[in-house]
Amino acid sequence: MEWAGQLPCYDIGCEILEVIHFADLGDSPRDALQGKRWLIVKVEELHQATGALMFSELEDVLVAVDHRGSTPEEGLWMRAVHLLLVDENTDAGVLQQQSGITKVIAQNTNDITQYLW
């Protein structure tokens, strides 16, 4: 992992992925998302992230949600999500098919950043 300023960047092959966490968006989420590849949201932040999810689509930022620790409930938020990390006991294939999320991974131990593309 390399650091670009205060934001973590993940070296994936030849590409550096700029990542920002929802908690780090500050007062101007759209500005904070500009130039980023991924927005990472924790399940407990999801109810506050509606605006950030909207801006992520406008800024072409992919969204990853770490939903471990609770059961995902169907909702509009799923339309903005590209990567969903759920508990191992969740059927990731069925959830992916039902939700339309690009990639659903059932894994309890790894950090969500390991699955970014």
C-alpha atoms as a PDB file:
ATOM      1  CA  MET A   1       0.000   0.000   0.000  1.00  0.00           C
ATOM      2  CA  GLU A   2       1.246   3.465  -0.895  1.00  0.00           C
ATOM      3  CA  TRP A   3       0.070   6.773   0.495  1.00  0.00           C
ATOM      4  CA  ALA A   4      -0.818   9.761  -1.660  1.00  0.00           C
ATOM      5  CA  GLY A   5      -1.183  12.643   0.725  1.00  0.00           C
ATOM      6  CA  GLN A   6      -3.580  11.556   3.457  1.00  0.00           C
ATOM      7  CA  LEU A   7      -5.554   9.136   1.269  1.00  0.00           C
ATOM      8  CA  PRO A   8      -4.671   5.445   1.008  1.00  0.00           C
ATOM      9  CA  CYS A   9      -3.906   4.223  -2.500  1.00  0.00           C
ATOM     10  CA  TYR A  10      -3.759   0.546  -3.330  1.00  0.00           C
ATOM     11  CA  ASP A  11      -1.337  -0.681  -5.972  1.00  0.00           C
ATOM     12  CA  ILE A  12      -3.279  -3.151  -8.125  1.00  0.00           C
ATOM     13  CA  GLY A  13      -1.013  -4.267 -10.948  1.00  0.00           C
ATOM     14  CA  CYS A  14      -0.021  -1.113 -12.788  1.00  0.00           C
ATOM     15  CA  GLU A  15      -2.873   0.994 -11.480  1.00  0.00           C
ATOM     16  CA  ILE A  16      -2.962   2.992  -8.263  1.00  0.00           C
ATOM     17  CA  LEU A  17      -6.485   3.035  -6.836  1.00  0.00           C
ATOM     18  CA  GLU A  18      -7.413   6.107  -4.839  1.00  0.00           C
ATOM     19  CA  VAL A  19      -9.768   5.144  -2.048  1.00  0.00           C
ATOM     20  CA  ILE A  20     -11.756   7.266   0.361  1.00  0.00           C
ATOM     21  CA  HIS A  21     -13.808   6.094   3.321  1.00  0.00           C
ATOM     22  CA  PHE A  22     -17.241   7.561   3.963  1.00  0.00           C
ATOM     23  CA  ALA A  23     -16.099   8.840   7.361  1.00  0.00           C
ATOM     24  CA  ASP A  24     -13.412  10.926   5.608  1.00  0.00           C
ATOM     25  CA  LEU A  25     -15.685  12.747   3.126  1.00  0.00           C
ATOM     26  CA  GLY A  26     -16.105  15.851   5.254  1.00  0.00           C
ATOM     27  CA  ASP A  27     -18.553  18.695   4.568  1.00  0.00           C
ATOM     28  CA  SER A  28     -18.253  18.555   0.775  1.00  0.00           C
ATOM     29  CA  PRO A  29     -18.691  14.916  -0.274  1.00  0.00           C
ATOM     30  CA  ARG A  30     -18.834  15.579  -4.009  1.00  0.00           C
ATOM     31  CA  ASP A  31     -15.562  17.499  -3.937  1.00  0.00           C
ATOM     32  CA  ALA A  32     -13.941  14.809  -1.784  1.00  0.00           C
ATOM     33  CA  LEU A  33     -14.978  12.092  -4.266  1.00  0.00           C
ATOM     34  CA  GLN A  34     -13.428  13.781  -7.302  1.00  0.00           C
ATOM     35  CA  GLY A  35     -10.552  11.746  -8.700  1.00  0.00           C
ATOM     36  CA  LYS A  36     -11.195   8.748  -6.453  1.00  0.00           C
ATOM     37  CA  ARG A  37     -11.728   5.210  -7.707  1.00  0.00           C
ATOM     38  CA  TRP A  38     -13.549   3.773  -4.662  1.00  0.00           C
ATOM     39  CA  LEU A  39     -15.770   4.949  -1.819  1.00  0.00           C
ATOM     40  CA  ILE A  40     -15.823   2.501   1.090  1.00  0.00           C
ATOM     41  CA  VAL A  41     -18.863   2.529   3.368  1.00  0.00           C
ATOM     42  CA  LYS A  42     -19.364   0.510   6.559  1.00  0.00           C
ATOM     43  CA  VAL A  43     -22.780  -0.998   7.222  1.00  0.00           C
ATOM     44  CA  GLU A  44     -23.374   1.311  10.208  1.00  0.00           C
ATOM     45  CA  GLU A  45     -22.768   4.361   7.969  1.00  0.00           C
ATOM     46  CA  LEU A  46     -25.101   3.230   5.190  1.00  0.00           C
ATOM     47  CA  HIS A  47     -28.170   5.092   6.485  1.00  0.00           C
ATOM     48  CA  GLN A  48     -26.187   8.377   6.381  1.00  0.00           C
ATOM     49  CA  ALA A  49     -24.570   7.761   2.988  1.00  0.00           C
ATOM     50  CA  THR A  50     -27.459   8.474   0.594  1.00  0.00           C
ATOM     51  CA  GLY A  51     -25.990  11.741  -0.673  1.00  0.00           C
ATOM     52  CA  ALA A  52     -22.516  10.274  -1.021  1.00  0.00           C
ATOM     53  CA  LEU A  53     -23.921   7.334  -3.007  1.00  0.00           C
ATOM     54  CA  MET A  54     -25.627   9.755  -5.380  1.00  0.00           C
ATOM     55  CA  PHE A  55     -22.477  11.830  -5.822  1.00  0.00           C
ATOM     56  CA  SER A  56     -20.369   8.696  -6.322  1.00  0.00           C
ATOM     57  CA  GLU A  57     -22.399   7.875  -9.416  1.00  0.00           C
ATOM     58  CA  LEU A  58     -22.045  11.415 -10.764  1.00  0.00           C
ATOM     59  CA  GLU A  59     -18.264  11.329 -10.201  1.00  0.00           C
ATOM     60  CA  ASP A  60     -17.803   7.765 -11.591  1.00  0.00           C
ATOM     61  CA  VAL A  61     -16.618   6.466  -8.223  1.00  0.00           C
ATOM     62  CA  LEU A  62     -17.200   2.781  -7.447  1.00  0.00           C
ATOM     63  CA  VAL A  63     -18.810   1.939  -4.094  1.00  0.00           C
ATOM     64  CA  ALA A  64     -17.796  -0.880  -1.755  1.00  0.00           C
ATOM     65  CA  VAL A  65     -19.888  -1.687   1.315  1.00  0.00           C
ATOM     66  CA  ASP A  66     -18.596  -3.759   4.226  1.00  0.00           C
ATOM     67  CA  HIS A  67     -21.882  -5.251   5.400  1.00  0.00           C
ATOM     68  CA  ARG A  68     -20.435  -7.873   7.739  1.00  0.00           C
ATOM     69  CA  GLY A  69     -22.169  -8.137  11.069  1.00  0.00           C
ATOM     70  CA  SER A  70     -25.721  -7.692   9.808  1.00  0.00           C
ATOM     71  CA  THR A  71     -28.031  -9.115   7.180  1.00  0.00           C
ATOM     72  CA  PRO A  72     -28.342  -6.953   4.050  1.00  0.00           C
ATOM     73  CA  GLU A  73     -31.864  -5.660   3.524  1.00  0.00           C
ATOM     74  CA  GLU A  74     -32.968  -4.932  -0.004  1.00  0.00           C
ATOM     75  CA  GLY A  75     -33.116  -1.247  -0.836  1.00  0.00           C
ATOM     76  CA  LEU A  76     -32.211   1.477  -3.302  1.00  0.00           C
ATOM     77  CA  TRP A  77     -28.720   1.675  -1.819  1.00  0.00           C
ATOM     78  CA  MET A  78     -27.889  -1.583  -3.611  1.00  0.00           C
ATOM     79  CA  ARG A  79     -28.189   0.140  -6.999  1.00  0.00           C
ATOM     80  CA  ALA A  80     -25.120   2.267  -6.230  1.00  0.00           C
ATOM     81  CA  VAL A  81     -22.955  -0.583  -4.895  1.00  0.00           C
ATOM     82  CA  HIS A  82     -20.344  -2.402  -6.970  1.00  0.00           C
ATOM     83  CA  LEU A  83     -18.761  -4.548  -4.243  1.00  0.00           C
ATOM     84  CA  LEU A  84     -20.523  -5.935  -1.184  1.00  0.00           C
ATOM     85  CA  LEU A  85     -18.683  -7.816   1.554  1.00  0.00           C
ATOM     86  CA  VAL A  86     -20.955 -10.003   3.711  1.00  0.00           C
ATOM     87  CA  ASP A  87     -20.558 -12.658   6.409  1.00  0.00           C
ATOM     88  CA  GLU A  88     -19.384 -16.128   5.393  1.00  0.00           C
ATOM     89  CA  ASN A  89     -22.750 -17.688   6.216  1.00  0.00           C
ATOM     90  CA  THR A  90     -24.471 -15.558   3.536  1.00  0.00           C
ATOM     91  CA  ASP A  91     -25.096 -17.068   0.098  1.00  0.00           C
ATOM     92  CA  ALA A  92     -23.115 -14.542  -1.943  1.00  0.00           C
ATOM     93  CA  GLY A  93     -24.231 -15.934  -5.304  1.00  0.00           C
ATOM     94  CA  VAL A  94     -27.926 -15.627  -4.540  1.00  0.00           C
ATOM     95  CA  LEU A  95     -27.490 -12.144  -3.060  1.00  0.00           C
ATOM     96  CA  GLN A  96     -25.492 -11.021  -6.097  1.00  0.00           C
ATOM     97  CA  GLN A  97     -28.165 -12.293  -8.468  1.00  0.00           C
ATOM     98  CA  GLN A  98     -31.055 -10.762  -6.507  1.00  0.00           C
ATOM     99  CA  SER A  99     -29.412  -7.400  -5.886  1.00  0.00           C
ATOM    100  CA  GLY A 100     -27.650  -6.782  -9.187  1.00  0.00           C
ATOM    101  CA  ILE A 101     -24.451  -5.855  -7.327  1.00  0.00           C
ATOM    102  CA  THR A 102     -21.431  -6.558  -9.516  1.00  0.00           C
ATOM    103  CA  LYS A 103     -19.486  -8.537  -6.920  1.00  0.00           C
ATOM    104  CA  VAL A 104     -20.675 -10.004  -3.605  1.00  0.00           C
ATOM    105  CA  ILE A 105     -18.086 -11.734  -1.432  1.00  0.00           C
ATOM    106  CA  ALA A 106     -18.806 -13.773   1.695  1.00  0.00           C
ATOM    107  CA  GLN A 107     -15.672 -13.543   3.832  1.00  0.00           C
ATOM    108  CA  ASN A 108     -15.235 -12.824   7.529  1.00  0.00           C
ATOM    109  CA  THR A 109     -11.511 -12.267   7.857  1.00  0.00           C
ATOM    110  CA  ASN A 110     -10.126 -10.131   5.030  1.00  0.00           C
ATOM    111  CA  ASP A 111     -10.131  -6.373   4.663  1.00  0.00           C
ATOM    112  CA  ILE A 112     -12.504  -5.100   1.957  1.00  0.00           C
ATOM    113  CA  THR A 113      -9.645  -3.308   0.200  1.00  0.00           C
ATOM    114  CA  GLN A 114      -8.236  -6.689  -0.881  1.00  0.00           C
ATOM    115  CA  TYR A 115     -11.187  -7.119  -3.268  1.00  0.00           C
ATOM    116  CA  LEU A 116     -11.097  -3.741  -5.004  1.00  0.00           C
ATOM    117  CA  TRP A 117     -10.405  -3.584  -8.717  1.00  0.00           C
END
